[in-house]
Amino acid sequence: MSKKRRTFKPEEKAKIVLEVLREENTLNEISQKYNISPQLISRWRTEFLDNMPAVFDKKSTEIEKLKQEHEAEKEELINQIGQLTVDINWLKKKQQQVLDWRKKGL
């Protein structure tokens, strides 16, 4: 039997890393508290410290804004594709009905 791998939300990771950075408890105590290996918490801490300057980087906020705009545009295009698909299916049905009427009329 294998254990199911746990996943952590970014908010949970941040909370744990901040607790480590406060140094109120040892890394081992914190790892036991959350039932996480000390190596994983150390990796999160390193990643956090490496990416800290990005918080103050204006370019990263611009990138996030572009990502959000891209997602909004993507949603709009997906909706348009859905509507066009419905329209095409309706037209195909109507075309078949017209062809059937013409056959009956001949």
PDB file of N, CA and C in Angstrom:
ATOM      1  N   MET A   1       0.831  -1.194   0.000  1.00  0.00           N
ATOM      2  CA  MET A   1       0.000   0.000   0.000  1.00  0.00           C
ATOM      3  C   MET A   1       0.867   1.245   0.000  1.00  0.00           C
ATOM      4  N   SER A   2       0.522   2.150  -0.880  1.00  0.00           N
ATOM      5  CA  SER A   2       1.287   3.384  -0.939  1.00  0.00           C
ATOM      6  C   SER A   2       0.473   4.522  -0.328  1.00  0.00           C
ATOM      7  N   LYS A   3       1.200   5.441   0.273  1.00  0.00           N
ATOM      8  CA  LYS A   3       0.555   6.615   0.838  1.00  0.00           C
ATOM      9  C   LYS A   3       0.163   7.557  -0.279  1.00  0.00           C
ATOM     10  N   LYS A   4      -0.960   8.224  -0.091  1.00  0.00           N
ATOM     11  CA  LYS A   4      -1.335   9.261  -1.045  1.00  0.00           C
ATOM     12  C   LYS A   4      -0.508  10.504  -0.744  1.00  0.00           C
ATOM     13  N   ARG A   5       0.052  11.077  -1.789  1.00  0.00           N
ATOM     14  CA  ARG A   5       0.907  12.250  -1.639  1.00  0.00           C
ATOM     15  C   ARG A   5       0.071  13.464  -1.240  1.00  0.00           C
ATOM     16  N   ARG A   6       0.517  14.157  -0.205  1.00  0.00           N
ATOM     17  CA  ARG A   6      -0.188  15.342   0.254  1.00  0.00           C
ATOM     18  C   ARG A   6       0.225  16.539  -0.585  1.00  0.00           C
ATOM     19  N   THR A   7      -0.727  17.394  -0.831  1.00  0.00           N
ATOM     20  CA  THR A   7      -0.422  18.645  -1.527  1.00  0.00           C
ATOM     21  C   THR A   7      -0.755  19.795  -0.587  1.00  0.00           C
ATOM     22  N   PHE A   8       0.012  20.833  -0.724  1.00  0.00           N
ATOM     23  CA  PHE A   8      -0.154  21.998   0.136  1.00  0.00           C
ATOM     24  C   PHE A   8      -0.446  23.212  -0.717  1.00  0.00           C
ATOM     25  N   LYS A   9      -1.381  24.016  -0.254  1.00  0.00           N
ATOM     26  CA  LYS A   9      -1.703  25.270  -0.933  1.00  0.00           C
ATOM     27  C   LYS A   9      -0.576  26.265  -0.654  1.00  0.00           C
ATOM     28  N   PRO A  10      -0.390  27.224  -1.544  1.00  0.00           N
ATOM     29  CA  PRO A  10       0.653  28.229  -1.325  1.00  0.00           C
ATOM     30  C   PRO A  10       0.495  28.960   0.016  1.00  0.00           C
ATOM     31  N   GLU A  11      -0.754  29.179   0.437  1.00  0.00           N
ATOM     32  CA  GLU A  11      -0.979  29.865   1.706  1.00  0.00           C
ATOM     33  C   GLU A  11      -0.455  29.035   2.872  1.00  0.00           C
ATOM     34  N   GLU A  12      -0.662  27.711   2.794  1.00  0.00           N
ATOM     35  CA  GLU A  12      -0.179  26.829   3.852  1.00  0.00           C
ATOM     36  C   GLU A  12       1.347  26.821   3.894  1.00  0.00           C
ATOM     37  N   LYS A  13       1.956  26.739   2.723  1.00  0.00           N
ATOM     38  CA  LYS A  13       3.421  26.754   2.651  1.00  0.00           C
ATOM     39  C   LYS A  13       3.972  28.042   3.244  1.00  0.00           C
ATOM     40  N   ALA A  14       3.349  29.168   2.885  1.00  0.00           N
ATOM     41  CA  ALA A  14       3.813  30.463   3.383  1.00  0.00           C
ATOM     42  C   ALA A  14       3.702  30.535   4.899  1.00  0.00           C
ATOM     43  N   LYS A  15       2.612  30.028   5.429  1.00  0.00           N
ATOM     44  CA  LYS A  15       2.424  30.041   6.882  1.00  0.00           C
ATOM     45  C   LYS A  15       3.528  29.243   7.574  1.00  0.00           C
ATOM     46  N   ILE A  16       3.831  28.072   7.040  1.00  0.00           N
ATOM     47  CA  ILE A  16       4.852  27.206   7.636  1.00  0.00           C
ATOM     48  C   ILE A  16       6.229  27.851   7.528  1.00  0.00           C
ATOM     49  N   VAL A  17       6.538  28.408   6.359  1.00  0.00           N
ATOM     50  CA  VAL A  17       7.844  29.046   6.157  1.00  0.00           C
ATOM     51  C   VAL A  17       7.996  30.258   7.080  1.00  0.00           C
ATOM     52  N   LEU A  18       6.951  31.044   7.231  1.00  0.00           N
ATOM     53  CA  LEU A  18       7.029  32.190   8.138  1.00  0.00           C
ATOM     54  C   LEU A  18       7.261  31.743   9.575  1.00  0.00           C
ATOM     55  N   GLU A  19       6.665  30.636   9.927  1.00  0.00           N
ATOM     56  CA  GLU A  19       6.885  30.097  11.273  1.00  0.00           C
ATOM     57  C   GLU A  19       8.350  29.689  11.453  1.00  0.00           C
ATOM     58  N   VAL A  20       8.942  29.131  10.411  1.00  0.00           N
ATOM     59  CA  VAL A  20      10.360  28.757  10.465  1.00  0.00           C
ATOM     60  C   VAL A  20      11.223  30.009  10.564  1.00  0.00           C
ATOM     61  N   LEU A  21      10.898  31.031   9.790  1.00  0.00           N
ATOM     62  CA  LEU A  21      11.696  32.255   9.789  1.00  0.00           C
ATOM     63  C   LEU A  21      11.610  33.016  11.109  1.00  0.00           C
ATOM     64  N   ARG A  22      10.504  32.880  11.825  1.00  0.00           N
ATOM     65  CA  ARG A  22      10.376  33.547  13.132  1.00  0.00           C
ATOM     66  C   ARG A  22      11.317  32.942  14.169  1.00  0.00           C
ATOM     67  N   GLU A  23      11.695  31.690  13.934  1.00  0.00           N
ATOM     68  CA  GLU A  23      12.622  30.968  14.808  1.00  0.00           C
ATOM     69  C   GLU A  23      12.114  30.852  16.243  1.00  0.00           C
ATOM     70  N   GLU A  24      10.810  30.783  16.426  1.00  0.00           N
ATOM     71  CA  GLU A  24      10.254  30.569  17.760  1.00  0.00           C
ATOM     72  C   GLU A  24      10.367  29.096  18.149  1.00  0.00           C
ATOM     73  N   ASN A  25      10.322  28.212  17.143  1.00  0.00           N
ATOM     74  CA  ASN A  25      10.478  26.777  17.345  1.00  0.00           C
ATOM     75  C   ASN A  25      11.566  26.277  16.396  1.00  0.00           C
ATOM     76  N   THR A  26      12.091  25.121  16.696  1.00  0.00           N
ATOM     77  CA  THR A  26      13.113  24.551  15.814  1.00  0.00           C
ATOM     78  C   THR A  26      12.446  23.969  14.574  1.00  0.00           C
ATOM     79  N   LEU A  27      13.251  23.752  13.573  1.00  0.00           N
ATOM     80  CA  LEU A  27      12.753  23.172  12.329  1.00  0.00           C
ATOM     81  C   LEU A  27      12.133  21.804  12.582  1.00  0.00           C
ATOM     82  N   ASN A  28      12.770  21.019  13.432  1.00  0.00           N
ATOM     83  CA  ASN A  28      12.238  19.689  13.745  1.00  0.00           C
ATOM     84  C   ASN A  28      10.896  19.756  14.468  1.00  0.00           C
ATOM     85  N   GLU A  29      10.752  20.719  15.362  1.00  0.00           N
ATOM     86  CA  GLU A  29       9.476  20.878  16.066  1.00  0.00           C
ATOM     87  C   GLU A  29       8.362  21.253  15.093  1.00  0.00           C
ATOM     88  N   ILE A  30       8.684  22.151  14.186  1.00  0.00           N
ATOM     89  CA  ILE A  30       7.694  22.586  13.199  1.00  0.00           C
ATOM     90  C   ILE A  30       7.348  21.431  12.259  1.00  0.00           C
ATOM     91  N   SER A  31       8.351  20.662  11.861  1.00  0.00           N
ATOM     92  CA  SER A  31       8.088  19.542  10.960  1.00  0.00           C
ATOM     93  C   SER A  31       7.217  18.491  11.642  1.00  0.00           C
ATOM     94  N   GLN A  32       7.414  18.261  12.928  1.00  0.00           N
ATOM     95  CA  GLN A  32       6.567  17.323  13.660  1.00  0.00           C
ATOM     96  C   GLN A  32       5.155  17.877  13.830  1.00  0.00           C
ATOM     97  N   LYS A  33       5.064  19.170  14.066  1.00  0.00           N
ATOM     98  CA  LYS A  33       3.759  19.811  14.255  1.00  0.00           C
ATOM     99  C   LYS A  33       2.868  19.630  13.026  1.00  0.00           C
ATOM    100  N   TYR A  34       3.460  19.802  11.828  1.00  0.00           N
ATOM    101  CA  TYR A  34       2.694  19.708  10.582  1.00  0.00           C
ATOM    102  C   TYR A  34       2.840  18.356   9.892  1.00  0.00           C
ATOM    103  N   ASN A  35       3.617  17.446  10.507  1.00  0.00           N
ATOM    104  CA  ASN A  35       3.854  16.121   9.953  1.00  0.00           C
ATOM    105  C   ASN A  35       4.427  16.212   8.526  1.00  0.00           C
ATOM    106  N   ILE A  36       5.481  17.025   8.403  1.00  0.00           N
ATOM    107  CA  ILE A  36       6.173  17.244   7.133  1.00  0.00           C
ATOM    108  C   ILE A  36       7.660  17.040   7.390  1.00  0.00           C
ATOM    109  N   SER A  37       8.353  16.528   6.403  1.00  0.00           N
ATOM    110  CA  SER A  37       9.786  16.303   6.608  1.00  0.00           C
ATOM    111  C   SER A  37      10.533  17.638   6.705  1.00  0.00           C
ATOM    112  N   PRO A  38      11.562  17.688   7.536  1.00  0.00           N
ATOM    113  CA  PRO A  38      12.354  18.926   7.672  1.00  0.00           C
ATOM    114  C   PRO A  38      13.017  19.326   6.345  1.00  0.00           C
ATOM    115  N   GLN A  39      13.379  18.331   5.532  1.00  0.00           N
ATOM    116  CA  GLN A  39      14.008  18.642   4.242  1.00  0.00           C
ATOM    117  C   GLN A  39      13.047  19.401   3.331  1.00  0.00           C
ATOM    118  N   LEU A  40      11.774  19.004   3.345  1.00  0.00           N
ATOM    119  CA  LEU A  40      10.790  19.687   2.509  1.00  0.00           C
ATOM    120  C   LEU A  40      10.594  21.129   2.985  1.00  0.00           C
ATOM    121  N   ILE A  41      10.506  21.311   4.272  1.00  0.00           N
ATOM    122  CA  ILE A  41      10.346  22.667   4.814  1.00  0.00           C
ATOM    123  C   ILE A  41      11.573  23.515   4.490  1.00  0.00           C
ATOM    124  N   SER A  42      12.750  22.929   4.566  1.00  0.00           N
ATOM    125  CA  SER A  42      13.972  23.665   4.219  1.00  0.00           C
ATOM    126  C   SER A  42      13.968  24.060   2.752  1.00  0.00           C
ATOM    127  N   ARG A  43      13.482  23.171   1.902  1.00  0.00           N
ATOM    128  CA  ARG A  43      13.405  23.485   0.470  1.00  0.00           C
ATOM    129  C   ARG A  43      12.432  24.636   0.233  1.00  0.00           C
ATOM    130  N   TRP A  44      11.267  24.606   0.913  1.00  0.00           N
ATOM    131  CA  TRP A  44      10.297  25.699   0.790  1.00  0.00           C
ATOM    132  C   TRP A  44      10.909  27.009   1.262  1.00  0.00           C
ATOM    133  N   ARG A  45      11.644  26.954   2.357  1.00  0.00           N
ATOM    134  CA  ARG A  45      12.290  28.158   2.910  1.00  0.00           C
ATOM    135  C   ARG A  45      13.281  28.734   1.905  1.00  0.00           C
ATOM    136  N   THR A  46      14.104  27.878   1.330  1.00  0.00           N
ATOM    137  CA  THR A  46      15.083  28.327   0.335  1.00  0.00           C
ATOM    138  C   THR A  46      14.392  28.937  -0.874  1.00  0.00           C
ATOM    139  N   GLU A  47      13.352  28.269  -1.345  1.00  0.00           N
ATOM    140  CA  GLU A  47      12.605  28.781  -2.505  1.00  0.00           C
ATOM    141  C   GLU A  47      11.982  30.132  -2.185  1.00  0.00           C
ATOM    142  N   PHE A  48      11.443  30.259  -0.986  1.00  0.00           N
ATOM    143  CA  PHE A  48      10.844  31.522  -0.556  1.00  0.00           C
ATOM    144  C   PHE A  48      11.876  32.642  -0.537  1.00  0.00           C
ATOM    145  N   LEU A  49      13.025  32.368   0.073  1.00  0.00           N
ATOM    146  CA  LEU A  49      14.062  33.391   0.174  1.00  0.00           C
ATOM    147  C   LEU A  49      14.621  33.761  -1.202  1.00  0.00           C
ATOM    148  N   ASP A  50      14.712  32.779  -2.106  1.00  0.00           N
ATOM    149  CA  ASP A  50      15.199  33.067  -3.457  1.00  0.00           C
ATOM    150  C   ASP A  50      14.227  33.928  -4.251  1.00  0.00           C
ATOM    151  N   ASN A  51      12.934  33.768  -4.004  1.00  0.00           N
ATOM    152  CA  ASN A  51      11.921  34.485  -4.777  1.00  0.00           C
ATOM    153  C   ASN A  51      11.383  35.733  -4.082  1.00  0.00           C
ATOM    154  N   MET A  52      11.903  36.044  -2.915  1.00  0.00           N
ATOM    155  CA  MET A  52      11.439  37.209  -2.173  1.00  0.00           C
ATOM    156  C   MET A  52      11.550  38.516  -2.960  1.00  0.00           C
ATOM    157  N   PRO A  53      12.639  38.772  -3.682  1.00  0.00           N
ATOM    158  CA  PRO A  53      12.724  40.045  -4.416  1.00  0.00           C
ATOM    159  C   PRO A  53      11.614  40.235  -5.452  1.00  0.00           C
ATOM    160  N   ALA A  54      11.031  39.149  -5.921  1.00  0.00           N
ATOM    161  CA  ALA A  54       9.970  39.252  -6.922  1.00  0.00           C
ATOM    162  C   ALA A  54       8.747  39.967  -6.369  1.00  0.00           C
ATOM    163  N   VAL A  55       8.572  39.954  -5.069  1.00  0.00           N
ATOM    164  CA  VAL A  55       7.432  40.631  -4.451  1.00  0.00           C
ATOM    165  C   VAL A  55       7.509  42.132  -4.707  1.00  0.00           C
ATOM    166  N   PHE A  56       8.709  42.661  -4.727  1.00  0.00           N
ATOM    167  CA  PHE A  56       8.892  44.094  -4.890  1.00  0.00           C
ATOM    168  C   PHE A  56       9.207  44.494  -6.323  1.00  0.00           C
ATOM    169  N   ASP A  57       9.204  43.538  -7.206  1.00  0.00           N
ATOM    170  CA  ASP A  57       9.524  43.784  -8.605  1.00  0.00           C
ATOM    171  C   ASP A  57       8.266  44.198  -9.357  1.00  0.00           C
ATOM    172  N   LYS A  58       8.286  45.398  -9.928  1.00  0.00           N
ATOM    173  CA  LYS A  58       7.118  45.892 -10.641  1.00  0.00           C
ATOM    174  C   LYS A  58       6.851  45.095 -11.905  1.00  0.00           C
ATOM    175  N   LYS A  59       7.895  44.528 -12.493  1.00  0.00           N
ATOM    176  CA  LYS A  59       7.717  43.739 -13.704  1.00  0.00           C
ATOM    177  C   LYS A  59       6.858  42.509 -13.431  1.00  0.00           C
ATOM    178  N   SER A  60       7.030  41.897 -12.266  1.00  0.00           N
ATOM    179  CA  SER A  60       6.243  40.704 -11.962  1.00  0.00           C
ATOM    180  C   SER A  60       4.767  41.051 -11.828  1.00  0.00           C
ATOM    181  N   THR A  61       4.454  42.238 -11.301  1.00  0.00           N
ATOM    182  CA  THR A  61       3.051  42.628 -11.210  1.00  0.00           C
ATOM    183  C   THR A  61       2.492  42.885 -12.600  1.00  0.00           C
ATOM    184  N   GLU A  62       3.319  43.413 -13.486  1.00  0.00           N
ATOM    185  CA  GLU A  62       2.882  43.616 -14.865  1.00  0.00           C
ATOM    186  C   GLU A  62       2.652  42.282 -15.549  1.00  0.00           C
ATOM    187  N   ILE A  63       3.494  41.324 -15.267  1.00  0.00           N
ATOM    188  CA  ILE A  63       3.335  39.993 -15.845  1.00  0.00           C
ATOM    189  C   ILE A  63       2.043  39.362 -15.349  1.00  0.00           C
ATOM    190  N   GLU A  64       1.755  39.508 -14.057  1.00  0.00           N
ATOM    191  CA  GLU A  64       0.513  38.969 -13.502  1.00  0.00           C
ATOM    192  C   GLU A  64      -0.696  39.637 -14.151  1.00  0.00           C
ATOM    193  N   LYS A  65      -0.598  40.934 -14.383  1.00  0.00           N
ATOM    194  CA  LYS A  65      -1.700  41.660 -15.020  1.00  0.00           C
ATOM    195  C   LYS A  65      -1.909  41.144 -16.443  1.00  0.00           C
ATOM    196  N   LEU A  66      -0.813  40.923 -17.166  1.00  0.00           N
ATOM    197  CA  LEU A  66      -0.921  40.379 -18.515  1.00  0.00           C
ATOM    198  C   LEU A  66      -1.510  38.971 -18.502  1.00  0.00           C
ATOM    199  N   LYS A  67      -1.124  38.185 -17.516  1.00  0.00           N
ATOM    200  CA  LYS A  67      -1.678  36.835 -17.398  1.00  0.00           C
ATOM    201  C   LYS A  67      -3.186  36.891 -17.186  1.00  0.00           C
ATOM    202  N   GLN A  68      -3.632  37.793 -16.328  1.00  0.00           N
ATOM    203  CA  GLN A  68      -5.059  37.925 -16.066  1.00  0.00           C
ATOM    204  C   GLN A  68      -5.810  38.373 -17.313  1.00  0.00           C
ATOM    205  N   GLU A  69      -5.228  39.325 -18.048  1.00  0.00           N
ATOM    206  CA  GLU A  69      -5.853  39.776 -19.287  1.00  0.00           C
ATOM    207  C   GLU A  69      -5.918  38.639 -20.291  1.00  0.00           C
ATOM    208  N   HIS A  70      -4.846  37.861 -20.373  1.00  0.00           N
ATOM    209  CA  HIS A  70      -4.809  36.721 -21.280  1.00  0.00           C
ATOM    210  C   HIS A  70      -5.893  35.702 -20.920  1.00  0.00           C
ATOM    211  N   GLU A  71      -6.049  35.439 -19.633  1.00  0.00           N
ATOM    212  CA  GLU A  71      -7.067  34.485 -19.187  1.00  0.00           C
ATOM    213  C   GLU A  71      -8.473  34.991 -19.529  1.00  0.00           C
ATOM    214  N   ALA A  72      -8.710  36.291 -19.354  1.00  0.00           N
ATOM    215  CA  ALA A  72     -10.016  36.862 -19.675  1.00  0.00           C
ATOM    216  C   ALA A  72     -10.292  36.742 -21.173  1.00  0.00           C
ATOM    217  N   GLU A  73      -9.275  37.051 -21.987  1.00  0.00           N
ATOM    218  CA  GLU A  73      -9.423  36.940 -23.439  1.00  0.00           C
ATOM    219  C   GLU A  73      -9.659  35.485 -23.842  1.00  0.00           C
ATOM    220  N   LYS A  74      -8.956  34.593 -23.205  1.00  0.00           N
ATOM    221  CA  LYS A  74      -9.110  33.157 -23.485  1.00  0.00           C
ATOM    222  C   LYS A  74     -10.537  32.710 -23.170  1.00  0.00           C
ATOM    223  N   GLU A  75     -11.071  33.131 -22.034  1.00  0.00           N
ATOM    224  CA  GLU A  75     -12.447  32.780 -21.659  1.00  0.00           C
ATOM    225  C   GLU A  75     -13.439  33.297 -22.693  1.00  0.00           C
ATOM    226  N   GLU A  76     -13.234  34.540 -23.123  1.00  0.00           N
ATOM    227  CA  GLU A  76     -14.127  35.133 -24.115  1.00  0.00           C
ATOM    228  C   GLU A  76     -14.088  34.345 -25.423  1.00  0.00           C
ATOM    229  N   LEU A  77     -12.884  33.962 -25.847  1.00  0.00           N
ATOM    230  CA  LEU A  77     -12.760  33.200 -27.084  1.00  0.00           C
ATOM    231  C   LEU A  77     -13.382  31.808 -26.954  1.00  0.00           C
ATOM    232  N   ILE A  78     -13.250  31.189 -25.807  1.00  0.00           N
ATOM    233  CA  ILE A  78     -13.875  29.886 -25.582  1.00  0.00           C
ATOM    234  C   ILE A  78     -15.392  30.016 -25.659  1.00  0.00           C
ATOM    235  N   ASN A  79     -15.938  31.084 -25.092  1.00  0.00           N
ATOM    236  CA  ASN A  79     -17.381  31.318 -25.168  1.00  0.00           C
ATOM    237  C   ASN A  79     -17.819  31.533 -26.617  1.00  0.00           C
ATOM    238  N   GLN A  80     -17.034  32.288 -27.381  1.00  0.00           N
ATOM    239  CA  GLN A  80     -17.360  32.513 -28.785  1.00  0.00           C
ATOM    240  C   GLN A  80     -17.337  31.209 -29.568  1.00  0.00           C
ATOM    241  N   ILE A  81     -16.347  30.369 -29.310  1.00  0.00           N
ATOM    242  CA  ILE A  81     -16.259  29.077 -29.986  1.00  0.00           C
ATOM    243  C   ILE A  81     -17.491  28.240 -29.673  1.00  0.00           C
ATOM    244  N   GLY A  82     -17.903  28.237 -28.422  1.00  0.00           N
ATOM    245  CA  GLY A  82     -19.100  27.497 -28.029  1.00  0.00           C
ATOM    246  C   GLY A  82     -20.331  28.004 -28.754  1.00  0.00           C
ATOM    247  N   GLN A  83     -20.488  29.317 -28.817  1.00  0.00           N
ATOM    248  CA  GLN A  83     -21.647  29.896 -29.496  1.00  0.00           C
ATOM    249  C   GLN A  83     -21.620  29.572 -30.985  1.00  0.00           C
ATOM    250  N   LEU A  84     -20.453  29.670 -31.602  1.00  0.00           N
ATOM    251  CA  LEU A  84     -20.348  29.360 -33.030  1.00  0.00           C
ATOM    252  C   LEU A  84     -20.637  27.889 -33.306  1.00  0.00           C
ATOM    253  N   THR A  85     -20.229  27.022 -32.414  1.00  0.00           N
ATOM    254  CA  THR A  85     -20.516  25.598 -32.560  1.00  0.00           C
ATOM    255  C   THR A  85     -22.018  25.352 -32.521  1.00  0.00           C
ATOM    256  N   VAL A  86     -22.705  26.006 -31.600  1.00  0.00           N
ATOM    257  CA  VAL A  86     -24.161  25.883 -31.519  1.00  0.00           C
ATOM    258  C   VAL A  86     -24.800  26.391 -32.804  1.00  0.00           C
ATOM    259  N   ASP A  87     -24.335  27.529 -33.305  1.00  0.00           N
ATOM    260  CA  ASP A  87     -24.874  28.098 -34.546  1.00  0.00           C
ATOM    261  C   ASP A  87     -24.666  27.164 -35.727  1.00  0.00           C
ATOM    262  N   ILE A  88     -23.496  26.592 -35.838  1.00  0.00           N
ATOM    263  CA  ILE A  88     -23.197  25.684 -36.952  1.00  0.00           C
ATOM    264  C   ILE A  88     -24.091  24.455 -36.889  1.00  0.00           C
ATOM    265  N   ASN A  89     -24.244  23.883 -35.709  1.00  0.00           N
ATOM    266  CA  ASN A  89     -25.111  22.713 -35.574  1.00  0.00           C
ATOM    267  C   ASN A  89     -26.549  23.034 -35.955  1.00  0.00           C
ATOM    268  N   TRP A  90     -27.022  24.216 -35.558  1.00  0.00           N
ATOM    269  CA  TRP A  90     -28.383  24.633 -35.907  1.00  0.00           C
ATOM    270  C   TRP A  90     -28.520  24.776 -37.416  1.00  0.00           C
ATOM    271  N   LEU A  91     -27.532  25.399 -38.047  1.00  0.00           N
ATOM    272  CA  LEU A  91     -27.576  25.580 -39.502  1.00  0.00           C
ATOM    273  C   LEU A  91     -27.536  24.243 -40.235  1.00  0.00           C
ATOM    274  N   LYS A  92     -26.766  23.294 -39.740  1.00  0.00           N
ATOM    275  CA  LYS A  92     -26.713  21.968 -40.363  1.00  0.00           C
ATOM    276  C   LYS A  92     -28.075  21.293 -40.298  1.00  0.00           C
ATOM    277  N   LYS A  93     -28.752  21.409 -39.167  1.00  0.00           N
ATOM    278  CA  LYS A  93     -30.082  20.817 -39.031  1.00  0.00           C
ATOM    279  C   LYS A  93     -31.066  21.480 -39.987  1.00  0.00           C
ATOM    280  N   LYS A  94     -31.014  22.799 -40.058  1.00  0.00           N
ATOM    281  CA  LYS A  94     -31.918  23.527 -40.951  1.00  0.00           C
ATOM    282  C   LYS A  94     -31.639  23.169 -42.414  1.00  0.00           C
ATOM    283  N   GLN A  95     -30.368  23.032 -42.766  1.00  0.00           N
ATOM    284  CA  GLN A  95     -30.003  22.669 -44.131  1.00  0.00           C
ATOM    285  C   GLN A  95     -30.571  21.294 -44.467  1.00  0.00           C
ATOM    286  N   GLN A  96     -30.478  20.371 -43.552  1.00  0.00           N
ATOM    287  CA  GLN A  96     -31.010  19.027 -43.777  1.00  0.00           C
ATOM    288  C   GLN A  96     -32.523  19.073 -43.925  1.00  0.00           C
ATOM    289  N   GLN A  97     -33.182  19.900 -43.125  1.00  0.00           N
ATOM    290  CA  GLN A  97     -34.644  20.031 -43.228  1.00  0.00           C
ATOM    291  C   GLN A  97     -35.033  20.569 -44.604  1.00  0.00           C
ATOM    292  N   VAL A  98     -34.317  21.585 -45.088  1.00  0.00           N
ATOM    293  CA  VAL A  98     -34.609  22.166 -46.400  1.00  0.00           C
ATOM    294  C   VAL A  98     -34.397  21.123 -47.494  1.00  0.00           C
ATOM    295  N   LEU A  99     -33.325  20.359 -47.405  1.00  0.00           N
ATOM    296  CA  LEU A  99     -33.064  19.306 -48.395  1.00  0.00           C
ATOM    297  C   LEU A  99     -34.163  18.250 -48.372  1.00  0.00           C
ATOM    298  N   ASP A 100     -34.626  17.887 -47.181  1.00  0.00           N
ATOM    299  CA  ASP A 100     -35.724  16.919 -47.067  1.00  0.00           C
ATOM    300  C   ASP A 100     -36.998  17.461 -47.675  1.00  0.00           C
ATOM    301  N   TRP A 101     -37.307  18.752 -47.477  1.00  0.00           N
ATOM    302  CA  TRP A 101     -38.512  19.363 -48.042  1.00  0.00           C
ATOM    303  C   TRP A 101     -38.433  19.369 -49.575  1.00  0.00           C
ATOM    304  N   ARG A 102     -37.251  19.673 -50.099  1.00  0.00           N
ATOM    305  CA  ARG A 102     -37.092  19.700 -51.561  1.00  0.00           C
ATOM    306  C   ARG A 102     -37.298  18.318 -52.158  1.00  0.00           C
ATOM    307  N   LYS A 103     -36.783  17.291 -51.474  1.00  0.00           N
ATOM    308  CA  LYS A 103     -36.962  15.927 -51.955  1.00  0.00           C
ATOM    309  C   LYS A 103     -38.426  15.520 -51.972  1.00  0.00           C
ATOM    310  N   LYS A 104     -39.146  15.933 -50.956  1.00  0.00           N
ATOM    311  CA  LYS A 104     -40.574  15.610 -50.872  1.00  0.00           C
ATOM    312  C   LYS A 104     -41.361  16.355 -51.942  1.00  0.00           C
ATOM    313  N   GLY A 105     -40.923  17.545 -52.274  1.00  0.00           N
ATOM    314  CA  GLY A 105     -41.612  18.362 -53.255  1.00  0.00           C
ATOM    315  C   GLY A 105     -41.403  17.865 -54.686  1.00  0.00           C
ATOM    316  N   LEU A 106     -40.351  17.096 -54.945  1.00  0.00           N
ATOM    317  CA  LEU A 106     -40.060  16.616 -56.290  1.00  0.00           C
ATOM    318  C   LEU A 106     -40.788  15.404 -56.637  1.00  0.00           C
TER     319      LEU A 106
END
